[in-house]
Each structure stands twice: as structure tokens, then as C-alpha cells.
Protein backbone atom coordinates (compact mmCIF):
# COMPACT_ATOMS: atom_id res chain seq x y z
CA UNK A 1 15.39 18.51 -3.25
CA UNK A 2 12.42 18.66 -0.85
CA UNK A 3 10.21 16.91 -3.39
CA UNK A 4 12.85 14.26 -4.14
CA UNK A 5 13.30 13.54 -0.43
CA UNK A 6 9.54 13.40 0.02
CA UNK A 7 9.12 11.02 -2.92
CA UNK A 8 11.90 8.75 -1.63
CA UNK A 9 10.29 8.71 1.81
CA UNK A 10 6.86 7.90 0.37
CA UNK A 11 8.35 5.08 -1.72
CA UNK A 12 10.11 3.59 1.29
CA UNK A 13 7.00 3.83 3.44
CA UNK A 14 4.94 2.28 0.64
CA UNK A 15 7.32 -0.69 0.34
CA UNK A 16 7.10 -1.33 4.06
CA UNK A 17 3.35 -0.78 4.44
CA UNK A 18 2.09 -2.61 1.34
CA UNK A 19 2.10 -6.24 2.49
CA UNK A 20 0.88 -5.53 6.02
CA UNK A 21 -1.47 -2.58 5.84
CA UNK A 22 -2.50 -1.78 2.27
CA UNK A 23 -3.63 -5.09 0.80
CA UNK A 24 -6.96 -6.77 1.31
CA UNK A 25 -6.72 -10.53 1.98
CA UNK A 26 -7.47 -11.53 -1.65
CA UNK A 27 -4.72 -9.17 -2.85
CA UNK A 28 -2.14 -10.70 -0.53
CA UNK A 29 -2.15 -13.81 -2.73
CA UNK A 30 -0.96 -11.75 -5.67
CA UNK A 31 2.02 -10.41 -3.71
CA UNK A 32 2.95 -13.90 -2.52
CA UNK A 33 2.95 -15.19 -6.08
CA UNK A 34 4.80 -12.19 -7.52
CA UNK A 35 7.51 -12.41 -4.86
CA UNK A 36 8.25 -15.94 -6.08
CA UNK A 37 8.50 -15.02 -9.76
CA UNK A 38 11.94 -14.06 -11.04
CA UNK A 39 10.64 -11.20 -13.21
CA UNK A 40 9.07 -9.43 -10.20
CA UNK A 41 11.34 -10.59 -7.38
CA UNK A 42 13.64 -7.56 -7.22
CA UNK A 43 11.25 -4.99 -8.66
CA UNK A 44 10.09 -2.34 -6.16
CA UNK A 45 6.43 -2.75 -5.23
CA UNK A 46 5.83 0.92 -5.87
CA UNK A 47 6.55 0.25 -9.56
CA UNK A 48 4.02 -2.61 -9.67
CA UNK A 49 1.07 -1.14 -7.81
CA UNK A 50 -0.90 1.86 -8.97
CA UNK A 51 -2.11 5.08 -7.44
CA UNK A 52 -5.07 3.31 -5.85
CA UNK A 53 -2.70 1.66 -3.40
CA UNK A 54 -0.88 4.94 -2.82
CA UNK A 55 -4.20 6.53 -1.86
CA UNK A 56 -4.87 3.66 0.54
CA UNK A 57 -1.56 4.47 2.19
CA UNK A 58 -2.40 8.17 2.44
CA UNK A 59 -5.72 7.30 4.10
CA UNK A 60 -3.88 5.21 6.67
CA UNK A 61 -0.92 7.53 7.02
CA UNK A 62 -1.80 8.87 10.48
CA UNK A 63 -1.93 5.31 11.85
CA UNK A 64 1.23 4.30 9.97
CA UNK A 65 3.48 7.11 11.12
CA UNK A 66 1.86 7.45 14.54
CA UNK A 67 3.22 10.24 16.62
CA UNK A 68 6.39 10.92 14.65
CA UNK A 69 5.33 14.48 13.94
CA UNK A 70 3.53 16.75 16.35
CA UNK A 71 0.98 19.07 14.76
CA UNK A 72 2.90 22.17 15.88
CA UNK A 73 6.16 20.73 14.57
CA UNK A 74 7.53 22.66 11.56
CA UNK A 75 8.62 19.42 9.84
CA UNK A 76 5.12 18.01 10.34
CA UNK A 77 3.62 21.11 8.73
CA UNK A 78 5.95 20.82 5.72
CA UNK A 79 5.16 17.10 5.31
CA UNK A 80 1.41 17.76 5.58
CA UNK A 81 1.57 20.60 3.05
CA UNK A 82 3.57 18.51 0.57
CA UNK A 83 1.19 15.57 0.94
CA UNK A 84 -1.79 17.86 0.38
CA UNK A 85 -0.14 19.20 -2.79
CA UNK A 86 0.56 15.65 -3.94
CA UNK A 87 -3.03 14.51 -3.34
CA UNK A 88 -4.29 17.52 -5.31
CA UNK A 89 -1.93 16.50 -8.16
CA UNK A 90 -3.33 12.94 -8.06
CA UNK A 91 -6.88 14.28 -8.15
CA UNK A 92 -6.14 16.63 -11.05
CA UNK A 93 -4.49 13.83 -13.09
CA UNK A 94 -6.67 10.91 -12.03
CA UNK A 95 -7.77 9.97 -15.55
CA UNK A 96 -4.18 9.20 -16.55
CA UNK A 97 -2.83 7.94 -13.22
CA UNK A 98 -5.54 5.54 -12.09
CA UNK A 99 -6.30 2.24 -13.78
CA UNK A 100 -9.62 2.03 -15.58
CA UNK A 101 -9.63 -1.76 -15.52
CA UNK A 102 -7.87 -4.49 -13.61
CA UNK A 103 -6.56 -7.90 -14.52
CA UNK A 104 -8.03 -11.06 -13.03
CA UNK A 105 -6.02 -13.26 -10.69
CA UNK A 106 -4.20 -16.14 -12.34
CA UNK A 107 -4.55 -19.77 -11.14
CA UNK A 108 -1.59 -19.61 -8.77
CA UNK A 109 -2.89 -16.42 -7.18
CA UNK A 110 -6.29 -18.06 -6.71
CA UNK A 111 -4.65 -20.98 -4.87
CA UNK A 112 -2.87 -18.55 -2.51
CA UNK A 113 -6.09 -16.58 -2.10
CA UNK A 114 -7.96 -19.70 -0.97
CA UNK A 115 -5.18 -20.48 1.54
CA UNK A 116 -5.43 -16.98 2.97
CA UNK A 117 -9.23 -17.23 3.17
CA UNK A 118 -8.97 -20.56 5.03
CA UNK A 119 -6.41 -19.10 7.44
CA UNK A 120 -8.66 -16.10 8.12
CA UNK A 121 -11.66 -18.39 8.65
CA UNK A 122 -9.66 -20.45 11.17
CA UNK A 123 -8.67 -17.29 13.04
CA UNK A 124 -12.33 -16.34 13.38
CA UNK A 125 -13.23 -19.80 14.74
CA UNK A 126 -10.51 -19.96 17.39
CA UNK A 127 -11.91 -18.76 20.74
CA UNK A 128 -10.05 -15.75 22.07
CA UNK A 129 -8.87 -15.68 25.73
CA UNK A 130 -10.77 -13.29 27.96
């Protein structure tokens, strides 16, 4: 039950963090395109993205969950221990869990990617108030 609850919590956190914290700007185009396609529209993101993205989330986990758990907190210790076990599992099984090759972006994704790049370039050019 602990592991099932932990997995459900990780999946929920992943769904929420993916578009805002886990994707690099070029990858955001892929999500925008996939969200508009019927075959991917209702599919959970955790089923579409691999362990590489899960590891990105684990690296950012302290910033994502903030001060929810205090180090001395028993729940925090349990969560930390379970996550450590899970990361060891990923490391042990990396040859089967991690992709060895990736697909290229399709034309629609490339269009979105260019839009995102232009938006980011505009943000850099706009003077910031002091």
C-alpha cells in the first residue's frame, strides 16, 4: 500500500510538473502538439514520457515540493527512503527503462518550437524594470 500510494503521488506530481518545470523549451512544442491530437489528448503524460523525465523531476523535487516535509518529520523520512529505493531501482534497470534513441520532432512540433523560441527571444529583449 505504501508503494502504491507513493507511485500515485509521483504520477500526480509528474503530471503537474511536466509542462512547467521538466521540459526544455524545444520539448514544450511536442506537448503542445500532442495535447491537440485526439490519440494523446486524454492519455496521462506519465505514460508518454520516459524515465529520463522522471529523473528530471527527482532532481528538481526539493524545489517542487518546497517545505512540505521537514527533515526531522517521520513522513519526510519515509518519502526520502522510498525515493532513494526507487532511484536505486531505476539505476539497476537503466538498460531496459531508459530510451536508447529518440524520435525527431515532426513538422507541426517544429512550428511550435520556432514559436516558443521567438517568444523566449522577445522576453530576453524586453528591458526589465529596476
